[in-house]
N, C-alpha and C. Protein backbone atom coordinates (compact mmCIF):
# COMPACT_ATOMS: atom_id res chain seq x y z
N MET A 1 -96.84 58.88 76.93
CA MET A 1 -97.10 57.41 77.43
C MET A 1 -97.07 57.38 78.99
N GLU A 2 -97.92 56.82 79.60
CA GLU A 2 -97.95 56.74 80.95
C GLU A 2 -97.53 55.16 81.22
N PHE A 3 -96.65 54.91 82.30
CA PHE A 3 -96.34 53.59 82.70
C PHE A 3 -96.77 53.24 83.99
N HIS A 4 -97.21 51.87 83.98
CA HIS A 4 -97.71 51.47 85.31
C HIS A 4 -96.96 50.25 85.81
N GLU A 5 -96.80 50.16 87.11
CA GLU A 5 -96.07 49.14 87.78
C GLU A 5 -96.69 47.76 87.30
N SER A 6 -95.97 46.73 86.85
CA SER A 6 -96.53 45.52 86.54
C SER A 6 -96.59 44.59 87.76
N LYS A 7 -97.58 43.75 87.70
CA LYS A 7 -97.78 42.66 88.65
C LYS A 7 -97.15 41.45 88.28
N LEU A 8 -96.14 40.99 89.08
CA LEU A 8 -95.53 39.71 88.79
C LEU A 8 -96.23 38.39 88.69
N ASN A 9 -97.21 38.35 89.68
CA ASN A 9 -98.14 37.25 89.85
C ASN A 9 -99.71 37.73 89.52
N SER A 10 -100.28 36.62 88.95
CA SER A 10 -101.73 36.82 88.58
C SER A 10 -102.53 37.12 89.73
N VAL A 11 -103.63 37.98 89.57
CA VAL A 11 -104.56 38.20 90.58
C VAL A 11 -105.66 37.14 90.40
N GLY A 12 -106.13 36.52 91.60
CA GLY A 12 -107.05 35.54 91.51
C GLY A 12 -106.58 34.15 91.02
N GLN A 13 -107.33 33.47 90.10
CA GLN A 13 -107.04 32.30 89.50
C GLN A 13 -105.73 32.33 88.73
N LYS A 14 -104.72 31.38 89.05
CA LYS A 14 -103.51 31.38 88.38
C LYS A 14 -103.75 30.49 87.06
N ARG A 15 -103.04 30.83 86.02
CA ARG A 15 -103.10 30.27 84.68
C ARG A 15 -101.87 29.72 84.28
N ALA A 16 -101.85 28.34 83.81
CA ALA A 16 -100.65 27.64 83.32
C ALA A 16 -100.87 27.35 81.76
N LEU A 17 -99.84 27.77 80.98
CA LEU A 17 -99.80 27.32 79.63
C LEU A 17 -98.96 26.06 79.57
N VAL A 18 -99.43 24.94 79.02
CA VAL A 18 -98.72 23.78 79.09
C VAL A 18 -98.45 23.36 77.64
N ASP A 19 -97.22 22.97 77.31
CA ASP A 19 -96.90 22.29 76.07
C ASP A 19 -97.37 20.97 76.24
N ILE A 20 -97.49 20.34 75.03
CA ILE A 20 -97.89 18.88 75.04
C ILE A 20 -96.76 17.91 74.61
N ASP A 21 -96.22 18.11 73.40
CA ASP A 21 -95.15 17.19 72.93
C ASP A 21 -93.80 17.34 73.68
N GLU A 22 -93.31 16.35 74.21
CA GLU A 22 -92.12 16.24 74.95
C GLU A 22 -92.17 16.70 76.44
N THR A 23 -93.38 17.12 76.83
CA THR A 23 -93.76 17.55 78.18
C THR A 23 -94.89 16.68 78.71
N ILE A 24 -95.81 16.33 78.01
CA ILE A 24 -96.82 15.29 78.75
C ILE A 24 -96.76 13.91 77.78
N CYS A 25 -96.13 13.97 76.72
CA CYS A 25 -95.84 12.86 75.87
C CYS A 25 -94.59 12.87 75.08
N TYR A 26 -94.17 11.59 74.70
CA TYR A 26 -92.91 11.54 74.00
C TYR A 26 -93.13 10.43 72.71
N TYR A 27 -92.04 10.37 72.07
CA TYR A 27 -91.95 9.66 70.88
C TYR A 27 -90.67 8.61 70.95
N GLU A 28 -90.94 7.36 70.69
CA GLU A 28 -89.82 6.33 70.75
C GLU A 28 -89.16 6.44 69.33
N ASP A 29 -89.74 6.73 68.53
CA ASP A 29 -88.93 6.61 66.94
C ASP A 29 -89.41 7.99 66.14
N LYS A 30 -90.33 7.79 65.32
CA LYS A 30 -90.80 8.97 64.55
C LYS A 30 -91.61 9.86 65.26
N ARG A 31 -91.55 11.08 64.99
CA ARG A 31 -92.32 12.22 65.58
C ARG A 31 -93.72 12.30 64.83
N ARG A 32 -94.63 11.29 65.22
CA ARG A 32 -95.78 11.28 64.53
C ARG A 32 -96.78 11.35 65.64
N TYR A 33 -97.90 12.34 65.68
CA TYR A 33 -98.66 12.38 66.74
C TYR A 33 -99.60 11.27 67.11
N ASP A 34 -99.85 10.39 66.18
CA ASP A 34 -100.43 9.24 66.35
C ASP A 34 -99.64 8.26 67.15
N LEU A 35 -98.47 8.34 67.12
CA LEU A 35 -97.43 7.53 67.94
C LEU A 35 -97.12 8.03 69.15
N SER A 36 -97.54 9.17 69.59
CA SER A 36 -96.97 9.74 70.86
C SER A 36 -97.63 8.97 72.18
N ILE A 37 -96.70 8.77 73.05
CA ILE A 37 -97.01 8.00 74.29
C ILE A 37 -96.93 8.96 75.37
N PRO A 38 -98.06 8.67 76.22
CA PRO A 38 -98.28 9.74 77.31
C PRO A 38 -97.09 9.47 78.41
N ILE A 39 -96.90 10.54 79.07
CA ILE A 39 -95.84 10.51 80.31
C ILE A 39 -96.60 10.84 81.43
N ASN A 40 -97.20 9.57 82.17
CA ASN A 40 -98.17 9.75 83.13
C ASN A 40 -97.80 10.57 84.32
N LYS A 41 -96.44 10.49 84.86
CA LYS A 41 -96.18 11.35 86.00
C LYS A 41 -96.22 12.73 85.56
N ASN A 42 -95.94 13.14 84.38
CA ASN A 42 -96.15 14.59 83.98
C ASN A 42 -97.52 15.04 83.85
N ILE A 43 -98.32 14.26 83.45
CA ILE A 43 -99.96 14.42 83.45
C ILE A 43 -100.27 14.51 84.78
N GLU A 44 -100.00 13.68 85.70
CA GLU A 44 -100.35 13.86 87.19
C GLU A 44 -100.03 15.03 87.74
N LYS A 45 -98.75 15.73 87.40
CA LYS A 45 -98.32 16.88 87.96
C LYS A 45 -99.24 17.91 87.49
N ILE A 46 -99.49 18.08 86.27
CA ILE A 46 -100.49 19.13 85.63
C ILE A 46 -101.84 18.92 86.13
N ASN A 47 -102.37 17.67 86.38
CA ASN A 47 -103.61 17.44 86.99
C ASN A 47 -103.83 17.87 88.57
N ARG A 48 -102.65 17.62 89.23
CA ARG A 48 -102.64 18.26 90.55
C ARG A 48 -102.80 19.78 90.51
N MET A 49 -102.03 20.43 89.71
CA MET A 49 -102.15 21.87 89.54
C MET A 49 -103.65 22.23 89.27
N TYR A 50 -104.33 21.50 88.42
CA TYR A 50 -105.86 21.78 88.09
C TYR A 50 -106.63 21.60 89.46
N ASP A 51 -106.31 20.53 90.10
CA ASP A 51 -107.04 20.29 91.21
C ASP A 51 -106.99 21.39 92.30
N LYS A 52 -105.74 22.19 92.47
CA LYS A 52 -105.35 23.12 93.35
C LYS A 52 -105.98 24.43 92.96
N GLY A 53 -106.71 24.41 91.56
CA GLY A 53 -107.23 25.53 91.27
C GLY A 53 -106.69 26.35 90.08
N TRP A 54 -105.57 25.96 89.73
CA TRP A 54 -105.12 26.61 88.41
C TRP A 54 -105.88 26.33 87.16
N GLU A 55 -105.86 27.36 86.41
CA GLU A 55 -106.40 27.32 85.01
C GLU A 55 -105.38 26.69 84.14
N ILE A 56 -105.81 25.61 83.74
CA ILE A 56 -104.86 24.75 82.69
C ILE A 56 -105.24 24.76 81.22
N ILE A 57 -104.21 25.50 80.45
CA ILE A 57 -104.39 25.60 79.02
C ILE A 57 -103.29 24.95 78.26
N TYR A 58 -103.63 23.89 77.58
CA TYR A 58 -102.59 23.18 76.76
C TYR A 58 -102.66 24.09 75.49
N TRP A 59 -101.20 24.34 75.24
CA TRP A 59 -100.86 25.25 74.05
C TRP A 59 -99.87 24.40 73.22
N THR A 60 -100.28 24.07 72.01
CA THR A 60 -99.31 23.46 71.09
C THR A 60 -99.06 23.98 69.77
N ALA A 61 -97.97 23.61 69.13
CA ALA A 61 -97.69 23.99 67.88
C ALA A 61 -98.06 23.06 66.77
N ARG A 62 -98.77 22.06 67.33
CA ARG A 62 -99.09 21.02 66.25
C ARG A 62 -99.89 21.64 65.21
N GLY A 63 -99.40 21.40 63.84
CA GLY A 63 -99.98 21.83 62.69
C GLY A 63 -99.70 23.30 62.37
N ALA A 64 -98.75 23.88 63.10
CA ALA A 64 -98.42 25.32 62.91
C ALA A 64 -97.65 25.42 61.61
N VAL A 65 -96.77 24.50 61.39
CA VAL A 65 -95.85 24.40 60.26
C VAL A 65 -96.62 23.78 59.09
N SER A 66 -97.19 22.60 59.41
CA SER A 66 -97.72 21.88 58.11
C SER A 66 -99.04 22.32 57.68
N GLY A 67 -99.83 23.17 58.53
CA GLY A 67 -101.17 23.65 58.37
C GLY A 67 -102.31 22.65 58.48
N VAL A 68 -101.87 21.37 58.97
CA VAL A 68 -102.91 20.49 59.21
C VAL A 68 -103.46 20.68 60.54
N ASP A 69 -105.00 20.48 60.53
CA ASP A 69 -105.64 20.75 61.88
C ASP A 69 -105.75 19.49 62.76
N TYR A 70 -104.97 19.50 63.82
CA TYR A 70 -104.77 18.22 64.74
C TYR A 70 -105.65 18.53 66.00
N ARG A 71 -106.57 19.38 65.89
CA ARG A 71 -107.39 19.86 67.11
C ARG A 71 -108.16 18.45 67.65
N GLU A 72 -109.04 17.84 66.69
CA GLU A 72 -109.82 16.88 67.23
C GLU A 72 -108.91 15.73 67.74
N HIS A 73 -107.86 15.24 67.02
CA HIS A 73 -106.88 14.22 67.36
C HIS A 73 -106.43 14.40 68.78
N THR A 74 -105.89 15.74 69.00
CA THR A 74 -105.11 16.19 70.15
C THR A 74 -106.24 16.14 71.48
N LEU A 75 -107.56 16.65 71.20
CA LEU A 75 -108.45 16.57 72.18
C LEU A 75 -108.81 15.12 72.60
N LYS A 76 -108.85 14.35 71.58
CA LYS A 76 -109.11 12.76 71.98
C LYS A 76 -107.88 12.37 72.75
N GLN A 77 -106.57 12.67 72.48
CA GLN A 77 -105.49 12.16 73.15
C GLN A 77 -105.61 12.61 74.57
N LEU A 78 -105.75 13.87 74.80
CA LEU A 78 -105.72 14.64 76.02
C LEU A 78 -106.82 13.85 76.93
N ASN A 79 -108.04 13.61 76.38
CA ASN A 79 -109.04 12.91 77.12
C ASN A 79 -108.83 11.49 77.39
N GLU A 80 -108.23 10.69 76.54
CA GLU A 80 -107.69 9.29 76.79
C GLU A 80 -106.68 9.38 77.73
N TRP A 81 -105.76 10.26 77.80
CA TRP A 81 -104.62 10.08 78.75
C TRP A 81 -105.10 10.70 80.30
N GLY A 82 -106.37 11.16 80.30
CA GLY A 82 -106.78 11.63 81.53
C GLY A 82 -106.40 13.06 82.05
N CYS A 83 -106.13 13.84 81.02
CA CYS A 83 -105.68 15.16 81.28
C CYS A 83 -106.73 16.06 81.65
N LYS A 84 -106.61 16.90 82.80
CA LYS A 84 -107.48 17.89 83.26
C LYS A 84 -107.21 19.12 82.74
N PHE A 85 -108.08 19.83 82.12
CA PHE A 85 -107.66 21.08 81.36
C PHE A 85 -108.90 22.01 81.20
N HIS A 86 -108.76 23.28 81.00
CA HIS A 86 -109.76 24.28 80.79
C HIS A 86 -109.99 24.53 79.21
N ASP A 87 -108.76 24.41 78.46
CA ASP A 87 -108.79 24.89 77.05
C ASP A 87 -107.70 24.25 76.55
N LEU A 88 -107.66 24.28 75.08
CA LEU A 88 -106.78 23.80 74.23
C LEU A 88 -106.46 24.81 73.19
N ILE A 89 -105.22 25.42 72.99
CA ILE A 89 -104.86 26.26 71.92
C ILE A 89 -103.93 25.51 70.95
N ILE A 90 -104.38 25.48 69.70
CA ILE A 90 -103.63 24.60 68.97
C ILE A 90 -103.36 25.38 67.48
N GLY A 91 -102.26 25.09 66.99
CA GLY A 91 -101.84 25.64 65.83
C GLY A 91 -101.32 26.97 65.59
N ASN A 92 -101.68 27.86 66.74
CA ASN A 92 -101.10 29.27 66.49
C ASN A 92 -100.03 29.54 67.47
N LYS A 93 -99.41 28.51 68.02
CA LYS A 93 -98.25 28.65 68.71
C LYS A 93 -97.05 28.78 67.72
N PRO A 94 -96.16 29.76 67.81
CA PRO A 94 -95.02 29.61 66.80
C PRO A 94 -94.18 28.52 67.06
N HIS A 95 -93.47 28.05 66.07
CA HIS A 95 -92.56 27.07 66.12
C HIS A 95 -91.26 27.69 66.66
N PHE A 96 -90.54 27.11 67.78
CA PHE A 96 -89.31 27.68 68.23
C PHE A 96 -88.49 26.60 68.80
N ASP A 97 -87.41 27.02 69.13
CA ASP A 97 -86.37 26.12 69.61
C ASP A 97 -86.08 26.28 71.09
N LEU A 98 -86.41 27.58 71.62
CA LEU A 98 -86.05 27.98 72.91
C LEU A 98 -86.98 28.89 73.40
N VAL A 99 -87.59 28.84 74.63
CA VAL A 99 -88.46 29.84 75.18
C VAL A 99 -87.57 30.60 76.35
N ILE A 100 -87.49 31.81 76.30
CA ILE A 100 -86.84 32.72 77.32
C ILE A 100 -88.01 33.51 77.83
N ASP A 101 -88.32 33.10 79.29
CA ASP A 101 -89.38 33.92 79.93
C ASP A 101 -89.07 33.89 81.45
N ASP A 102 -89.36 34.87 82.01
CA ASP A 102 -89.20 34.90 83.44
C ASP A 102 -90.08 33.88 84.30
N LYS A 103 -91.09 33.47 83.78
CA LYS A 103 -92.01 32.67 84.52
C LYS A 103 -91.94 31.10 83.87
N ALA A 104 -91.19 30.70 83.00
CA ALA A 104 -90.98 29.62 82.51
C ALA A 104 -90.48 28.63 83.43
N LYS A 105 -91.04 27.24 83.36
CA LYS A 105 -90.50 26.24 84.12
C LYS A 105 -90.52 24.96 83.30
N ARG A 106 -89.54 23.96 83.45
CA ARG A 106 -89.46 22.77 82.80
C ARG A 106 -90.45 21.78 83.69
N ILE A 107 -91.02 20.96 83.06
CA ILE A 107 -92.01 19.94 83.72
C ILE A 107 -91.28 19.30 84.93
N GLU A 108 -89.97 19.08 84.90
CA GLU A 108 -89.20 18.49 86.00
C GLU A 108 -89.10 19.44 87.26
N GLU A 109 -89.34 20.59 87.13
CA GLU A 109 -89.36 21.61 88.22
C GLU A 109 -90.65 21.68 88.83
N ILE A 110 -91.61 21.06 88.33
CA ILE A 110 -93.05 21.15 89.07
C ILE A 110 -93.13 19.94 90.04
N ASP A 111 -93.67 20.10 91.18
CA ASP A 111 -94.00 19.03 92.14
C ASP A 111 -95.15 18.14 91.73
């Protein structure tokens, strides 16, 4: 097996995978997607990245556990909230309680 040096940064256009729930929206009471409330300051942060040339991909676990297809509902929400993005990956994100990754950032760490 031959090993090659890895590249820490993307070459060309940078790509960001962005979670939806509790990142660009929140819930006051029940965690129901139809009750989600946009967090405008966080959406603006992601939109600024888009405007700077980042490829923005929203990636959500919505429906991963229940098997319900939330794609159309989620696309409608993203558009109503004014989210700028290139793609939406939905339902095939594993459900987890913690992400450990050398490139991970919390929304609060983004300008």
